[in-house]
C-alpha atoms as a PDB file:
ATOM      1  CA  MET A   1       0.000   0.000   0.000  1.00  0.00           C
ATOM      2  CA  SER A   2       1.113   3.548  -0.632  1.00  0.00           C
ATOM      3  CA  ASP A   3       0.311   6.882   0.912  1.00  0.00           C
ATOM      4  CA  THR A   4       0.152   8.504  -2.543  1.00  0.00           C
ATOM      5  CA  LEU A   5      -3.392   9.738  -3.199  1.00  0.00           C
ATOM      6  CA  LEU A   6      -3.988   9.156  -6.914  1.00  0.00           C
ATOM      7  CA  LEU A   7      -7.599  10.270  -7.148  1.00  0.00           C
ATOM      8  CA  SER A   8      -9.931  12.130  -4.818  1.00  0.00           C
ATOM      9  CA  ALA A   9     -13.541  13.140  -5.204  1.00  0.00           C
ATOM     10  CA  ASN A  10     -14.696  15.534  -2.489  1.00  0.00           C
ATOM     11  CA  SER A  11     -18.186  16.759  -1.610  1.00  0.00           C
ATOM     12  CA  ILE A  12     -19.636  15.533  -4.904  1.00  0.00           C
ATOM     13  CA  GLU A  13     -23.272  16.456  -5.407  1.00  0.00           C
ATOM     14  CA  LYS A  14     -25.654  15.525  -8.205  1.00  0.00           C
ATOM     15  CA  SER A  15     -29.417  15.897  -8.491  1.00  0.00           C
ATOM     16  CA  TYR A  16     -31.845  14.806 -11.155  1.00  0.00           C
ATOM     17  CA  ALA A  17     -35.154  16.682 -11.237  1.00  0.00           C
ATOM     18  CA  GLY A  18     -34.712  17.709  -7.605  1.00  0.00           C
ATOM     19  CA  VAL A  19     -33.848  14.193  -6.373  1.00  0.00           C
ATOM     20  CA  HIS A  20     -30.376  13.938  -4.793  1.00  0.00           C
ATOM     21  CA  ALA A  21     -28.447  11.106  -6.434  1.00  0.00           C
ATOM     22  CA  LEU A  22     -25.319  12.158  -4.512  1.00  0.00           C
ATOM     23  CA  LYS A  23     -25.019  14.479  -1.543  1.00  0.00           C
ATOM     24  CA  TYR A  24     -21.517  15.307  -0.222  1.00  0.00           C
ATOM     25  CA  ALA A  25     -20.046  12.055  -1.578  1.00  0.00           C
ATOM     26  CA  CYS A  26     -16.319  11.544  -1.050  1.00  0.00           C
ATOM     27  CA  PHE A  27     -13.996   8.920  -2.508  1.00  0.00           C
ATOM     28  CA  GLY A  28     -10.232   8.477  -2.379  1.00  0.00           C
ATOM     29  CA  LEU A  29      -7.989   6.048  -4.202  1.00  0.00           C
ATOM     30  CA  TYR A  30      -4.407   5.410  -3.158  1.00  0.00           C
ATOM     31  CA  ALA A  31      -1.738   3.634  -5.202  1.00  0.00           C
ATOM     32  CA  GLY A  32      -2.065  -0.138  -4.898  1.00  0.00           C
ATOM     33  CA  GLU A  33      -5.709  -0.112  -3.834  1.00  0.00           C
ATOM     34  CA  VAL A  34      -8.648  -1.802  -5.503  1.00  0.00           C
ATOM     35  CA  HIS A  35     -12.193  -0.680  -4.733  1.00  0.00           C
ATOM     36  CA  ALA A  36     -15.648  -2.083  -5.300  1.00  0.00           C
ATOM     37  CA  LEU A  37     -18.643   0.221  -4.930  1.00  0.00           C
ATOM     38  CA  ILE A  38     -21.438  -1.728  -3.299  1.00  0.00           C
ATOM     39  CA  GLY A  39     -24.869  -0.539  -2.260  1.00  0.00           C
ATOM     40  CA  GLU A  40     -28.584  -0.680  -2.846  1.00  0.00           C
ATOM     41  CA  ASN A  41     -30.198   0.429  -6.081  1.00  0.00           C
ATOM     42  CA  GLY A  42     -30.370   4.204  -6.108  1.00  0.00           C
ATOM     43  CA  ALA A  43     -27.459   4.653  -3.691  1.00  0.00           C
ATOM     44  CA  GLY A  44     -25.471   6.676  -6.253  1.00  0.00           C
ATOM     45  CA  LYS A  45     -22.777   4.165  -7.231  1.00  0.00           C
ATOM     46  CA  SER A  46     -23.243   4.561 -10.978  1.00  0.00           C
ATOM     47  CA  THR A  47     -23.626   8.318 -10.697  1.00  0.00           C
ATOM     48  CA  LEU A  48     -20.315   8.624  -8.833  1.00  0.00           C
ATOM     49  CA  ILE A  49     -18.544   6.456 -11.411  1.00  0.00           C
ATOM     50  CA  LYS A  50     -20.046   8.507 -14.266  1.00  0.00           C
ATOM     51  CA  ILE A  51     -18.868  11.739 -12.635  1.00  0.00           C
ATOM     52  CA  ILE A  52     -15.337  10.433 -12.016  1.00  0.00           C
ATOM     53  CA  THR A  53     -15.082   9.116 -15.599  1.00  0.00           C
ATOM     54  CA  GLY A  54     -16.439  12.391 -17.018  1.00  0.00           C
ATOM     55  CA  ALA A  55     -19.649  10.983 -18.508  1.00  0.00           C
ATOM     56  CA  VAL A  56     -21.793  13.202 -16.228  1.00  0.00           C
ATOM     57  CA  ALA A  57     -21.008  16.593 -14.714  1.00  0.00           C
ATOM     58  CA  ALA A  58     -21.315  17.020 -10.949  1.00  0.00           C
ATOM     59  CA  ASP A  59     -23.503  19.839  -9.659  1.00  0.00           C
ATOM     60  CA  ASP A  60     -20.907  20.593  -6.988  1.00  0.00           C
ATOM     61  CA  GLY A  61     -17.680  19.233  -5.521  1.00  0.00           C
ATOM     62  CA  GLU A  62     -14.226  18.611  -6.909  1.00  0.00           C
ATOM     63  CA  ILE A  63     -12.139  15.853  -8.417  1.00  0.00           C
ATOM     64  CA  LYS A  64      -8.365  15.800  -8.135  1.00  0.00           C
ATOM     65  CA  VAL A  65      -5.903  13.513  -9.898  1.00  0.00           C
ATOM     66  CA  ASP A  66      -2.416  13.379  -8.409  1.00  0.00           C
ATOM     67  CA  GLY A  67      -3.375  16.388  -6.276  1.00  0.00           C
ATOM     68  CA  LYS A  68      -4.315  18.546  -9.280  1.00  0.00           C
ATOM     69  CA  LEU A  69      -7.854  19.837  -9.694  1.00  0.00           C
ATOM     70  CA  VAL A  70      -9.702  18.519 -12.746  1.00  0.00           C
ATOM     71  CA  ALA A  71     -11.579  21.650 -13.813  1.00  0.00           C
ATOM     72  CA  ASP A  72     -13.650  20.455 -16.775  1.00  0.00           C
ATOM     73  CA  ASN A  73     -13.907  16.677 -16.649  1.00  0.00           C
ATOM     74  CA  SER A  74     -15.054  14.796 -19.720  1.00  0.00           C
ATOM     75  CA  PRO A  75     -14.563  11.232 -20.959  1.00  0.00           C
ATOM     76  CA  ARG A  76     -11.597  12.445 -23.010  1.00  0.00           C
ATOM     77  CA  VAL A  77      -9.994  14.259 -20.058  1.00  0.00           C
ATOM     78  CA  ALA A  78     -10.565  11.307 -17.708  1.00  0.00           C
ATOM     79  CA  LYS A  79      -9.192   8.813 -20.216  1.00  0.00           C
ATOM     80  CA  ALA A  80      -6.084  10.959 -20.787  1.00  0.00           C
ATOM     81  CA  GLN A  81      -5.463  10.838 -17.021  1.00  0.00           C
ATOM     82  CA  GLY A  82      -5.783   7.047 -16.933  1.00  0.00           C
ATOM     83  CA  ILE A  83      -9.280   6.930 -15.437  1.00  0.00           C
ATOM     84  CA  ALA A  84     -11.521   4.102 -16.616  1.00  0.00           C
ATOM     85  CA  ALA A  85     -14.329   2.045 -15.128  1.00  0.00           C
ATOM     86  CA  ILE A  86     -14.529  -1.730 -15.305  1.00  0.00           C
ATOM     87  CA  TYR A  87     -18.119  -2.744 -14.752  1.00  0.00           C
ATOM     88  CA  GLN A  88     -19.488  -5.868 -13.103  1.00  0.00           C
ATOM     89  CA  GLN A  89     -20.278  -7.795 -16.275  1.00  0.00           C
ATOM     90  CA  PRO A  90     -18.089 -10.930 -16.364  1.00  0.00           C
ATOM     91  CA  ALA A  91     -16.944 -10.154 -19.899  1.00  0.00           C
ATOM     92  CA  LEU A  92     -17.769  -7.396 -22.308  1.00  0.00           C
ATOM     93  CA  PHE A  93     -17.035  -9.685 -25.223  1.00  0.00           C
ATOM     94  CA  PRO A  94     -16.676 -13.344 -24.192  1.00  0.00           C
ATOM     95  CA  GLU A  95     -14.928 -14.264 -27.451  1.00  0.00           C
ATOM     96  CA  LEU A  96     -12.057 -11.857 -26.625  1.00  0.00           C
ATOM     97  CA  THR A  97      -9.233 -12.533 -24.190  1.00  0.00           C
ATOM     98  CA  VAL A  98      -8.886 -10.677 -20.889  1.00  0.00           C
ATOM     99  CA  THR A  99      -6.142  -8.554 -22.462  1.00  0.00           C
ATOM    100  CA  GLU A 100      -8.370  -7.659 -25.406  1.00  0.00           C
ATOM    101  CA  ASN A 101     -11.289  -6.736 -23.137  1.00  0.00           C
ATOM    102  CA  ILE A 102      -9.119  -4.575 -20.845  1.00  0.00           C
ATOM    103  CA  ALA A 103      -7.649  -2.666 -23.759  1.00  0.00           C
ATOM    104  CA  LEU A 104     -10.918  -2.283 -25.653  1.00  0.00           C
ATOM    105  CA  GLY A 105     -11.392   1.307 -26.721  1.00  0.00           C
ATOM    106  CA  VAL A 106      -7.885   2.390 -25.748  1.00  0.00           C
ATOM    107  CA  GLU A 107      -6.295   2.271 -29.187  1.00  0.00           C
ATOM    108  CA  GLN A 108      -5.687   5.530 -31.008  1.00  0.00           C
ATOM    109  CA  GLY A 109      -6.574   5.929 -34.655  1.00  0.00           C
ATOM    110  CA  GLY A 110      -9.405   5.944 -37.118  1.00  0.00           C
ATOM    111  CA  SER A 111     -11.382   3.422 -39.105  1.00  0.00           C
ATOM    112  CA  PHE A 112      -8.311   1.607 -40.404  1.00  0.00           C
ATOM    113  CA  LEU A 113      -6.855   1.027 -36.978  1.00  0.00           C
ATOM    114  CA  LYS A 114      -3.929  -1.315 -36.537  1.00  0.00           C
ATOM    115  CA  ILE A 115      -4.097  -2.934 -33.111  1.00  0.00           C
ATOM    116  CA  ASP A 116      -0.886  -2.790 -31.091  1.00  0.00           C
ATOM    117  CA  TRP A 117      -1.059  -6.250 -29.464  1.00  0.00           C
ATOM    118  CA  ARG A 118       2.298  -5.895 -27.708  1.00  0.00           C
ATOM    119  CA  ALA A 119       1.191  -2.644 -26.060  1.00  0.00           C
ATOM    120  CA  ARG A 120      -2.109  -4.271 -25.053  1.00  0.00           C
ATOM    121  CA  ARG A 121      -0.312  -7.193 -23.395  1.00  0.00           C
ATOM    122  CA  LEU A 122       2.046  -4.816 -21.552  1.00  0.00           C
ATOM    123  CA  ARG A 123      -0.915  -2.712 -20.386  1.00  0.00           C
ATOM    124  CA  ALA A 124      -2.764  -5.809 -19.142  1.00  0.00           C
ATOM    125  CA  ASP A 125       0.392  -7.081 -17.391  1.00  0.00           C
ATOM    126  CA  PHE A 126       0.810  -3.680 -15.712  1.00  0.00           C
ATOM    127  CA  ILE A 127      -2.815  -3.661 -14.532  1.00  0.00           C
ATOM    128  CA  HIS A 128      -2.403  -7.206 -13.211  1.00  0.00           C
ATOM    129  CA  PHE A 129       0.777  -6.143 -11.371  1.00  0.00           C
ATOM    130  CA  ILE A 130      -0.974  -3.127  -9.778  1.00  0.00           C
ATOM    131  CA  LEU A 131      -3.944  -5.244  -8.655  1.00  0.00           C
ATOM    132  CA  ARG A 132      -1.780  -7.895  -6.942  1.00  0.00           C
END
């Protein structure tokens, strides 16, 4: 375990049509940690993940990565900072390997994309190393 705070979400608030999905939610992630968000339906788990990954804007609060404030989060900004969510489905695409599923959507390029398999394997090995 490390005492390096990689990501922090502080006092996050989000409402939909006057209903509080999140009220003063806080979350911190240190190097070497793995988290699972568990709770009842409607507890705000998905909303918090969507805010951290930039898919939804918080009404209030702040997100910091490596101690630096993320002013205008978006999926592109979050992805550039190494933020991604892995959801509870056992496999996104069962016909793909674990490495292929982890790296899905990470490749850069257009329609005629050449997949960098070596980089994918290294990325998957690194993730496996971090999670041990």
